[in-house]
């Protein structure tokens, strides 16, 4: 068992840890230990009731001052890898459900190709078998870092299939390192690999098949979920579809913005 993650990654590369003055990140970080305290520790009822009163008041205060859904920006290779998915439940510093897994890029095995390295430390809230990380948590972590590796290599896509092999039990509350890399592509099919290590022991590995989604297809997916989507996000997706030359696949919507053909 080791301490919580350090500021330096297992390979010696510095993992980005900025934004310490961001109040949203500060709040997310403050909530994380509460999740573990509630789900996995012995606490007397009076203390739990007092904490619930405080949190209910804080939630009411935030609700009264909240607006619409937080806008999301698409990932860019110009950003640090930890900023690819800032609200995700795996590596999102803005999401208290995330451990978070810390991610950065390094030079890959092939010249000019970037790969992803990551560091994870899963507390008791992520327990599956006693003392071990839940298999589903391992799988979703692989899905996330493989997606990041594909972005870093310039081959983004959506998950088509994910094959996970659990080699050894993966321990909780231990610094785990992860390697993820794009391997090759066949047309729109993108192949990638990732491994999770406890020290030098490979505890799990995954092969991912991702599919490149062209802007007009992505627009159709987003519009299919339009009832629960942020209008600003939909507008940005529509604009991108037009920008990359998907105009033949896009029609103006009733409000004048482009829309995917049915």
C-alpha atoms as a PDB file:
ATOM      1  CA  UNK A   1       0.000   0.000   0.000  1.00  0.00           C
ATOM      2  CA  UNK A   2       1.343   3.415  -0.913  1.00  0.00           C
ATOM      3  CA  UNK A   3       0.442   7.029  -0.377  1.00  0.00           C
ATOM      4  CA  UNK A   4      -1.967   8.941  -2.600  1.00  0.00           C
ATOM      5  CA  UNK A   5      -0.623  10.073  -5.997  1.00  0.00           C
ATOM      6  CA  UNK A   6       2.438  12.259  -6.133  1.00  0.00           C
ATOM      7  CA  UNK A   7       3.036  15.282  -8.369  1.00  0.00           C
ATOM      8  CA  UNK A   8       5.384  13.202 -10.478  1.00  0.00           C
ATOM      9  CA  UNK A   9       4.443  10.293 -12.679  1.00  0.00           C
ATOM     10  CA  UNK A  10       6.022   6.839 -12.401  1.00  0.00           C
ATOM     11  CA  UNK A  11       8.293   7.461 -15.400  1.00  0.00           C
ATOM     12  CA  UNK A  12       9.647  10.686 -13.938  1.00  0.00           C
ATOM     13  CA  UNK A  13       7.543  12.891 -16.239  1.00  0.00           C
ATOM     14  CA  UNK A  14       5.680  15.602 -14.407  1.00  0.00           C
ATOM     15  CA  UNK A  15       1.937  15.021 -14.390  1.00  0.00           C
ATOM     16  CA  UNK A  16       0.023  18.331 -14.715  1.00  0.00           C
ATOM     17  CA  UNK A  17      -1.472  19.445 -11.413  1.00  0.00           C
ATOM     18  CA  UNK A  18      -2.351  23.104 -12.069  1.00  0.00           C
ATOM     19  CA  UNK A  19      -5.587  25.028 -11.493  1.00  0.00           C
ATOM     20  CA  UNK A  20      -5.275  24.831  -7.699  1.00  0.00           C
ATOM     21  CA  UNK A  21      -7.078  28.187  -7.476  1.00  0.00           C
ATOM     22  CA  UNK A  22     -10.095  26.998  -9.490  1.00  0.00           C
ATOM     23  CA  UNK A  23     -13.061  26.918  -7.051  1.00  0.00           C
ATOM     24  CA  UNK A  24     -14.890  24.227  -9.034  1.00  0.00           C
ATOM     25  CA  UNK A  25     -11.870  21.906  -8.902  1.00  0.00           C
ATOM     26  CA  UNK A  26     -11.417  22.746  -5.235  1.00  0.00           C
ATOM     27  CA  UNK A  27     -15.037  21.816  -4.495  1.00  0.00           C
ATOM     28  CA  UNK A  28     -14.782  18.549  -6.455  1.00  0.00           C
ATOM     29  CA  UNK A  29     -11.619  17.649  -4.526  1.00  0.00           C
ATOM     30  CA  UNK A  30     -13.365  18.437  -1.225  1.00  0.00           C
ATOM     31  CA  UNK A  31     -16.312  16.149  -2.075  1.00  0.00           C
ATOM     32  CA  UNK A  32     -14.194  13.092  -3.027  1.00  0.00           C
ATOM     33  CA  UNK A  33     -13.178  12.057   0.513  1.00  0.00           C
ATOM     34  CA  UNK A  34     -16.809  12.461   1.620  1.00  0.00           C
ATOM     35  CA  UNK A  35     -17.808   9.767  -0.877  1.00  0.00           C
ATOM     36  CA  UNK A  36     -15.336   7.354   0.705  1.00  0.00           C
ATOM     37  CA  UNK A  37     -16.261   8.350   4.257  1.00  0.00           C
ATOM     38  CA  UNK A  38     -19.949   7.702   3.594  1.00  0.00           C
ATOM     39  CA  UNK A  39     -19.587   4.508   1.564  1.00  0.00           C
ATOM     40  CA  UNK A  40     -16.706   2.742   3.272  1.00  0.00           C
ATOM     41  CA  UNK A  41     -15.931   3.928   6.818  1.00  0.00           C
ATOM     42  CA  UNK A  42     -17.486   3.555  10.250  1.00  0.00           C
ATOM     43  CA  UNK A  43     -18.893   6.885  11.433  1.00  0.00           C
ATOM     44  CA  UNK A  44     -21.376   7.439  14.247  1.00  0.00           C
ATOM     45  CA  UNK A  45     -24.934   8.445  13.354  1.00  0.00           C
ATOM     46  CA  UNK A  46     -24.755  11.854  15.015  1.00  0.00           C
ATOM     47  CA  UNK A  47     -21.728  12.826  12.949  1.00  0.00           C
ATOM     48  CA  UNK A  48     -23.433  11.587   9.787  1.00  0.00           C
ATOM     49  CA  UNK A  49     -26.584  13.564  10.565  1.00  0.00           C
ATOM     50  CA  UNK A  50     -24.579  16.738  11.229  1.00  0.00           C
ATOM     51  CA  UNK A  51     -22.675  16.300   7.981  1.00  0.00           C
ATOM     52  CA  UNK A  52     -25.914  15.716   6.076  1.00  0.00           C
ATOM     53  CA  UNK A  53     -27.343  18.988   7.454  1.00  0.00           C
ATOM     54  CA  UNK A  54     -24.270  20.915   6.298  1.00  0.00           C
ATOM     55  CA  UNK A  55     -24.244  19.314   2.846  1.00  0.00           C
ATOM     56  CA  UNK A  56     -27.983  19.798   2.337  1.00  0.00           C
ATOM     57  CA  UNK A  57     -27.587  23.511   3.112  1.00  0.00           C
ATOM     58  CA  UNK A  58     -24.615  23.792   0.744  1.00  0.00           C
ATOM     59  CA  UNK A  59     -26.518  21.978  -1.999  1.00  0.00           C
ATOM     60  CA  UNK A  60     -29.509  24.277  -1.588  1.00  0.00           C
ATOM     61  CA  UNK A  61     -27.258  27.338  -1.776  1.00  0.00           C
ATOM     62  CA  UNK A  62     -25.537  26.123  -4.952  1.00  0.00           C
ATOM     63  CA  UNK A  63     -28.844  25.120  -6.541  1.00  0.00           C
ATOM     64  CA  UNK A  64     -30.244  28.593  -5.947  1.00  0.00           C
ATOM     65  CA  UNK A  65     -27.303  30.141  -7.797  1.00  0.00           C
ATOM     66  CA  UNK A  66     -26.849  27.580 -10.572  1.00  0.00           C
ATOM     67  CA  UNK A  67     -27.657  28.071 -14.240  1.00  0.00           C
ATOM     68  CA  UNK A  68     -27.751  25.674 -17.171  1.00  0.00           C
ATOM     69  CA  UNK A  69     -25.462  22.761 -17.896  1.00  0.00           C
ATOM     70  CA  UNK A  70     -21.748  23.501 -17.843  1.00  0.00           C
ATOM     71  CA  UNK A  71     -20.547  23.944 -21.418  1.00  0.00           C
ATOM     72  CA  UNK A  72     -18.119  21.318 -22.740  1.00  0.00           C
ATOM     73  CA  UNK A  73     -15.317  21.857 -25.220  1.00  0.00           C
ATOM     74  CA  UNK A  74     -14.068  19.120 -27.501  1.00  0.00           C
ATOM     75  CA  UNK A  75     -10.623  17.691 -26.668  1.00  0.00           C
ATOM     76  CA  UNK A  76      -7.646  19.178 -28.479  1.00  0.00           C
ATOM     77  CA  UNK A  77      -4.061  17.990 -28.829  1.00  0.00           C
ATOM     78  CA  UNK A  78      -3.083  21.564 -27.961  1.00  0.00           C
ATOM     79  CA  UNK A  79      -4.297  20.882 -24.397  1.00  0.00           C
ATOM     80  CA  UNK A  80      -2.617  18.879 -21.662  1.00  0.00           C
ATOM     81  CA  UNK A  81      -3.963  15.327 -21.719  1.00  0.00           C
ATOM     82  CA  UNK A  82      -5.619  15.836 -18.324  1.00  0.00           C
ATOM     83  CA  UNK A  83      -7.798  18.481 -20.013  1.00  0.00           C
ATOM     84  CA  UNK A  84      -9.168  16.129 -22.697  1.00  0.00           C
ATOM     85  CA  UNK A  85     -12.146  15.118 -20.509  1.00  0.00           C
ATOM     86  CA  UNK A  86     -12.284  17.538 -17.529  1.00  0.00           C
ATOM     87  CA  UNK A  87     -15.810  16.528 -16.452  1.00  0.00           C
ATOM     88  CA  UNK A  88     -15.504  12.756 -16.911  1.00  0.00           C
ATOM     89  CA  UNK A  89     -16.054  10.287 -14.031  1.00  0.00           C
ATOM     90  CA  UNK A  90     -12.546   8.849 -14.565  1.00  0.00           C
ATOM     91  CA  UNK A  91      -9.998  11.600 -15.184  1.00  0.00           C
ATOM     92  CA  UNK A  92     -12.177  14.672 -14.742  1.00  0.00           C
ATOM     93  CA  UNK A  93     -10.770  17.076 -12.165  1.00  0.00           C
ATOM     94  CA  UNK A  94     -14.164  18.807 -12.176  1.00  0.00           C
ATOM     95  CA  UNK A  95     -16.044  15.606 -11.320  1.00  0.00           C
ATOM     96  CA  UNK A  96     -16.023  14.407  -7.690  1.00  0.00           C
ATOM     97  CA  UNK A  97     -16.874  10.872  -8.860  1.00  0.00           C
ATOM     98  CA  UNK A  98     -13.461  10.677 -10.548  1.00  0.00           C
ATOM     99  CA  UNK A  99     -10.510   9.393  -8.465  1.00  0.00           C
ATOM    100  CA  UNK A 100      -9.213  11.246 -10.641  1.00  0.00           C
ATOM    101  CA  UNK A 101      -6.844   9.281 -12.850  1.00  0.00           C
ATOM    102  CA  UNK A 102      -3.912  11.567 -13.716  1.00  0.00           C
ATOM    103  CA  UNK A 103      -2.951  11.531 -17.404  1.00  0.00           C
ATOM    104  CA  UNK A 104      -0.134  13.012 -19.479  1.00  0.00           C
ATOM    105  CA  UNK A 105       1.542  12.342 -22.842  1.00  0.00           C
ATOM    106  CA  UNK A 106       5.037  11.108 -23.681  1.00  0.00           C
ATOM    107  CA  UNK A 107       6.993  10.361 -26.853  1.00  0.00           C
ATOM    108  CA  UNK A 108       5.891   6.977 -28.137  1.00  0.00           C
ATOM    109  CA  UNK A 109       7.695   3.928 -29.462  1.00  0.00           C
ATOM    110  CA  UNK A 110       7.320   5.211 -33.009  1.00  0.00           C
ATOM    111  CA  UNK A 111       9.012   8.547 -33.869  1.00  0.00           C
ATOM    112  CA  UNK A 112       6.636  11.490 -33.816  1.00  0.00           C
ATOM    113  CA  UNK A 113       3.781   9.578 -32.178  1.00  0.00           C
ATOM    114  CA  UNK A 114       2.572  10.534 -28.714  1.00  0.00           C
ATOM    115  CA  UNK A 115       1.366   7.998 -26.163  1.00  0.00           C
ATOM    116  CA  UNK A 116      -0.424   8.321 -22.845  1.00  0.00           C
ATOM    117  CA  UNK A 117       0.869   7.565 -19.377  1.00  0.00           C
ATOM    118  CA  UNK A 118      -1.380   7.703 -16.340  1.00  0.00           C
ATOM    119  CA  UNK A 119      -1.350   7.253 -12.588  1.00  0.00           C
ATOM    120  CA  UNK A 120      -4.310   5.995 -10.589  1.00  0.00           C
ATOM    121  CA  UNK A 121      -4.998   5.604  -6.878  1.00  0.00           C
ATOM    122  CA  UNK A 122      -8.372   4.031  -6.100  1.00  0.00           C
ATOM    123  CA  UNK A 123      -9.791   4.473  -2.609  1.00  0.00           C
ATOM    124  CA  UNK A 124     -12.281   2.167  -0.851  1.00  0.00           C
ATOM    125  CA  UNK A 125     -15.232   3.649  -2.736  1.00  0.00           C
ATOM    126  CA  UNK A 126     -13.985   1.801  -5.851  1.00  0.00           C
ATOM    127  CA  UNK A 127     -13.799  -1.618  -4.181  1.00  0.00           C
ATOM    128  CA  UNK A 128     -14.973  -4.805  -5.888  1.00  0.00           C
ATOM    129  CA  UNK A 129     -13.605  -8.012  -4.338  1.00  0.00           C
ATOM    130  CA  UNK A 130     -12.239  -7.271  -0.852  1.00  0.00           C
ATOM    131  CA  UNK A 131      -9.096  -5.087  -1.059  1.00  0.00           C
ATOM    132  CA  UNK A 132      -9.270  -5.011  -4.891  1.00  0.00           C
ATOM    133  CA  UNK A 133     -10.387  -2.452  -7.473  1.00  0.00           C
ATOM    134  CA  UNK A 134     -13.801  -3.223  -8.991  1.00  0.00           C
ATOM    135  CA  UNK A 135     -13.470  -4.826 -12.423  1.00  0.00           C
ATOM    136  CA  UNK A 136     -15.956  -2.384 -13.912  1.00  0.00           C
ATOM    137  CA  UNK A 137     -13.884   0.553 -12.675  1.00  0.00           C
ATOM    138  CA  UNK A 138     -10.807  -0.950 -14.344  1.00  0.00           C
ATOM    139  CA  UNK A 139     -12.745  -1.349 -17.604  1.00  0.00           C
ATOM    140  CA  UNK A 140     -14.025   2.226 -17.673  1.00  0.00           C
ATOM    141  CA  UNK A 141     -10.541   3.481 -16.828  1.00  0.00           C
ATOM    142  CA  UNK A 142      -9.165   1.628 -19.832  1.00  0.00           C
ATOM    143  CA  UNK A 143     -11.922   3.041 -22.042  1.00  0.00           C
ATOM    144  CA  UNK A 144     -10.942   6.550 -20.985  1.00  0.00           C
ATOM    145  CA  UNK A 145      -7.164   6.276 -21.319  1.00  0.00           C
ATOM    146  CA  UNK A 146      -7.446   4.480 -24.664  1.00  0.00           C
ATOM    147  CA  UNK A 147      -9.611   7.322 -25.923  1.00  0.00           C
ATOM    148  CA  UNK A 148      -7.014   9.809 -24.685  1.00  0.00           C
ATOM    149  CA  UNK A 149      -4.212   7.850 -26.358  1.00  0.00           C
ATOM    150  CA  UNK A 150      -6.068   7.913 -29.663  1.00  0.00           C
ATOM    151  CA  UNK A 151      -6.582  11.665 -29.387  1.00  0.00           C
ATOM    152  CA  UNK A 152      -2.905  12.202 -28.548  1.00  0.00           C
ATOM    153  CA  UNK A 153      -1.942  10.204 -31.663  1.00  0.00           C
ATOM    154  CA  UNK A 154      -4.331  12.184 -33.864  1.00  0.00           C
ATOM    155  CA  UNK A 155      -6.847   9.364 -34.306  1.00  0.00           C
ATOM    156  CA  UNK A 156      -9.918  10.152 -32.175  1.00  0.00           C
ATOM    157  CA  UNK A 157     -12.941   7.887 -32.262  1.00  0.00           C
ATOM    158  CA  UNK A 158     -15.839   6.434 -30.312  1.00  0.00           C
ATOM    159  CA  UNK A 159     -15.597   3.051 -28.585  1.00  0.00           C
ATOM    160  CA  UNK A 160     -16.761   0.141 -30.734  1.00  0.00           C
ATOM    161  CA  UNK A 161     -15.575  -2.677 -28.497  1.00  0.00           C
ATOM    162  CA  UNK A 162     -13.363  -3.074 -25.446  1.00  0.00           C
ATOM    163  CA  UNK A 163     -11.703  -6.366 -24.499  1.00  0.00           C
ATOM    164  CA  UNK A 164     -10.295  -6.472 -20.953  1.00  0.00           C
ATOM    165  CA  UNK A 165      -8.069  -9.241 -19.587  1.00  0.00           C
ATOM    166  CA  UNK A 166      -7.733  -9.317 -15.816  1.00  0.00           C
ATOM    167  CA  UNK A 167      -4.265 -10.812 -15.222  1.00  0.00           C
ATOM    168  CA  UNK A 168      -3.922 -10.305 -11.461  1.00  0.00           C
ATOM    169  CA  UNK A 169      -6.034  -8.746  -8.693  1.00  0.00           C
ATOM    170  CA  UNK A 170      -5.534  -4.964  -8.795  1.00  0.00           C
ATOM    171  CA  UNK A 171      -5.094  -3.578  -5.266  1.00  0.00           C
ATOM    172  CA  UNK A 172      -6.879  -0.582  -3.787  1.00  0.00           C
ATOM    173  CA  UNK A 173      -5.068   2.382  -2.213  1.00  0.00           C
ATOM    174  CA  UNK A 174      -1.928   1.711  -4.220  1.00  0.00           C
ATOM    175  CA  UNK A 175      -0.289   3.871  -6.857  1.00  0.00           C
ATOM    176  CA  UNK A 176      -0.960   2.164 -10.180  1.00  0.00           C
ATOM    177  CA  UNK A 177       0.611   3.151 -13.460  1.00  0.00           C
ATOM    178  CA  UNK A 178      -1.053   2.875 -16.839  1.00  0.00           C
ATOM    179  CA  UNK A 179       0.352   2.865 -20.350  1.00  0.00           C
ATOM    180  CA  UNK A 180      -1.890   3.429 -23.372  1.00  0.00           C
ATOM    181  CA  UNK A 181      -1.062   3.710 -27.037  1.00  0.00           C
ATOM    182  CA  UNK A 182      -2.642   3.897 -30.466  1.00  0.00           C
ATOM    183  CA  UNK A 183      -1.528   0.882 -32.526  1.00  0.00           C
ATOM    184  CA  UNK A 184      -2.908   1.139 -36.048  1.00  0.00           C
ATOM    185  CA  UNK A 185      -6.008   1.870 -38.051  1.00  0.00           C
ATOM    186  CA  UNK A 186      -7.914   0.234 -40.900  1.00  0.00           C
ATOM    187  CA  UNK A 187     -10.053   2.859 -42.573  1.00  0.00           C
ATOM    188  CA  UNK A 188     -12.336   4.208 -39.848  1.00  0.00           C
ATOM    189  CA  UNK A 189     -11.385   1.404 -37.413  1.00  0.00           C
ATOM    190  CA  UNK A 190      -8.846   2.499 -34.792  1.00  0.00           C
ATOM    191  CA  UNK A 191      -6.959  -0.082 -32.722  1.00  0.00           C
ATOM    192  CA  UNK A 192      -5.279   0.684 -29.411  1.00  0.00           C
ATOM    193  CA  UNK A 193      -3.848  -1.052 -26.325  1.00  0.00           C
ATOM    194  CA  UNK A 194      -3.469  -0.233 -22.627  1.00  0.00           C
ATOM    195  CA  UNK A 195      -1.983  -1.945 -19.589  1.00  0.00           C
ATOM    196  CA  UNK A 196      -2.347  -1.352 -15.839  1.00  0.00           C
ATOM    197  CA  UNK A 197       0.605  -2.111 -13.572  1.00  0.00           C
ATOM    198  CA  UNK A 198       1.196  -2.523  -9.853  1.00  0.00           C
ATOM    199  CA  UNK A 199       4.902  -1.843  -9.809  1.00  0.00           C
ATOM    200  CA  UNK A 200       6.206  -4.001 -12.652  1.00  0.00           C
ATOM    201  CA  UNK A 201       3.321  -6.491 -12.463  1.00  0.00           C
ATOM    202  CA  UNK A 202       0.745  -6.262 -15.234  1.00  0.00           C
ATOM    203  CA  UNK A 203      -2.591  -6.626 -13.432  1.00  0.00           C
ATOM    204  CA  UNK A 204      -4.897  -5.957 -16.387  1.00  0.00           C
ATOM    205  CA  UNK A 205      -4.738  -5.019 -20.053  1.00  0.00           C
ATOM    206  CA  UNK A 206      -7.210  -3.962 -22.700  1.00  0.00           C
ATOM    207  CA  UNK A 207      -7.540  -3.857 -26.456  1.00  0.00           C
ATOM    208  CA  UNK A 208      -9.880  -1.251 -27.853  1.00  0.00           C
ATOM    209  CA  UNK A 209     -11.547  -0.958 -31.218  1.00  0.00           C
ATOM    210  CA  UNK A 210     -12.650   2.617 -31.819  1.00  0.00           C
ATOM    211  CA  UNK A 211     -14.574   4.014 -34.755  1.00  0.00           C
ATOM    212  CA  UNK A 212     -13.919   7.376 -36.356  1.00  0.00           C
ATOM    213  CA  UNK A 213     -17.169   9.334 -36.376  1.00  0.00           C
ATOM    214  CA  UNK A 214     -17.366  11.983 -39.079  1.00  0.00           C
ATOM    215  CA  UNK A 215     -18.917  15.313 -38.080  1.00  0.00           C
ATOM    216  CA  UNK A 216     -22.229  14.707 -39.854  1.00  0.00           C
ATOM    217  CA  UNK A 217     -22.637  11.376 -38.024  1.00  0.00           C
ATOM    218  CA  UNK A 218     -21.701  12.928 -34.711  1.00  0.00           C
ATOM    219  CA  UNK A 219     -24.232  15.670 -35.339  1.00  0.00           C
ATOM    220  CA  UNK A 220     -26.942  13.057 -35.946  1.00  0.00           C
ATOM    221  CA  UNK A 221     -26.041  11.330 -32.667  1.00  0.00           C
ATOM    222  CA  UNK A 222     -26.137  14.614 -30.743  1.00  0.00           C
ATOM    223  CA  UNK A 223     -29.426  15.686 -32.281  1.00  0.00           C
ATOM    224  CA  UNK A 224     -30.910  12.304 -31.379  1.00  0.00           C
ATOM    225  CA  UNK A 225     -30.195  13.243 -27.765  1.00  0.00           C
ATOM    226  CA  UNK A 226     -31.199  16.871 -28.255  1.00  0.00           C
ATOM    227  CA  UNK A 227     -33.871  16.820 -25.549  1.00  0.00           C
ATOM    228  CA  UNK A 228     -31.159  16.480 -22.892  1.00  0.00           C
ATOM    229  CA  UNK A 229     -28.360  18.285 -24.724  1.00  0.00           C
ATOM    230  CA  UNK A 230     -26.907  21.725 -24.146  1.00  0.00           C
ATOM    231  CA  UNK A 231     -28.058  23.958 -27.057  1.00  0.00           C
ATOM    232  CA  UNK A 232     -24.636  25.616 -27.143  1.00  0.00           C
ATOM    233  CA  UNK A 233     -22.947  22.234 -27.565  1.00  0.00           C
ATOM    234  CA  UNK A 234     -25.329  21.303 -30.380  1.00  0.00           C
ATOM    235  CA  UNK A 235     -24.630  24.614 -32.112  1.00  0.00           C
ATOM    236  CA  UNK A 236     -20.870  24.008 -31.853  1.00  0.00           C
ATOM    237  CA  UNK A 237     -21.225  20.499 -33.333  1.00  0.00           C
ATOM    238  CA  UNK A 238     -23.331  21.863 -36.187  1.00  0.00           C
ATOM    239  CA  UNK A 239     -20.781  24.577 -36.898  1.00  0.00           C
ATOM    240  CA  UNK A 240     -17.947  22.029 -36.946  1.00  0.00           C
ATOM    241  CA  UNK A 241     -19.881  19.797 -39.361  1.00  0.00           C
ATOM    242  CA  UNK A 242     -20.163  22.707 -41.771  1.00  0.00           C
ATOM    243  CA  UNK A 243     -16.557  23.837 -41.229  1.00  0.00           C
ATOM    244  CA  UNK A 244     -15.047  20.500 -42.279  1.00  0.00           C
ATOM    245  CA  UNK A 245     -17.125  20.327 -45.440  1.00  0.00           C
ATOM    246  CA  UNK A 246     -20.057  18.208 -44.327  1.00  0.00           C
ATOM    247  CA  UNK A 247     -22.484  20.766 -45.760  1.00  0.00           C
ATOM    248  CA  UNK A 248     -23.913  18.205 -48.169  1.00  0.00           C
ATOM    249  CA  UNK A 249     -24.963  16.126 -45.153  1.00  0.00           C
ATOM    250  CA  UNK A 250     -26.377  19.060 -43.217  1.00  0.00           C
ATOM    251  CA  UNK A 251     -29.572  21.041 -43.652  1.00  0.00           C
ATOM    252  CA  UNK A 252     -30.605  24.268 -41.907  1.00  0.00           C
ATOM    253  CA  UNK A 253     -32.709  23.685 -38.801  1.00  0.00           C
ATOM    254  CA  UNK A 254     -35.809  25.755 -38.120  1.00  0.00           C
ATOM    255  CA  UNK A 255     -33.728  28.300 -36.214  1.00  0.00           C
ATOM    256  CA  UNK A 256     -31.395  28.706 -39.193  1.00  0.00           C
ATOM    257  CA  UNK A 257     -28.519  26.605 -37.873  1.00  0.00           C
ATOM    258  CA  UNK A 258     -27.426  23.503 -39.788  1.00  0.00           C
ATOM    259  CA  UNK A 259     -28.937  20.117 -38.934  1.00  0.00           C
ATOM    260  CA  UNK A 260     -28.121  16.547 -39.954  1.00  0.00           C
ATOM    261  CA  UNK A 261     -30.377  15.004 -42.558  1.00  0.00           C
ATOM    262  CA  UNK A 262     -32.518  12.156 -41.397  1.00  0.00           C
END
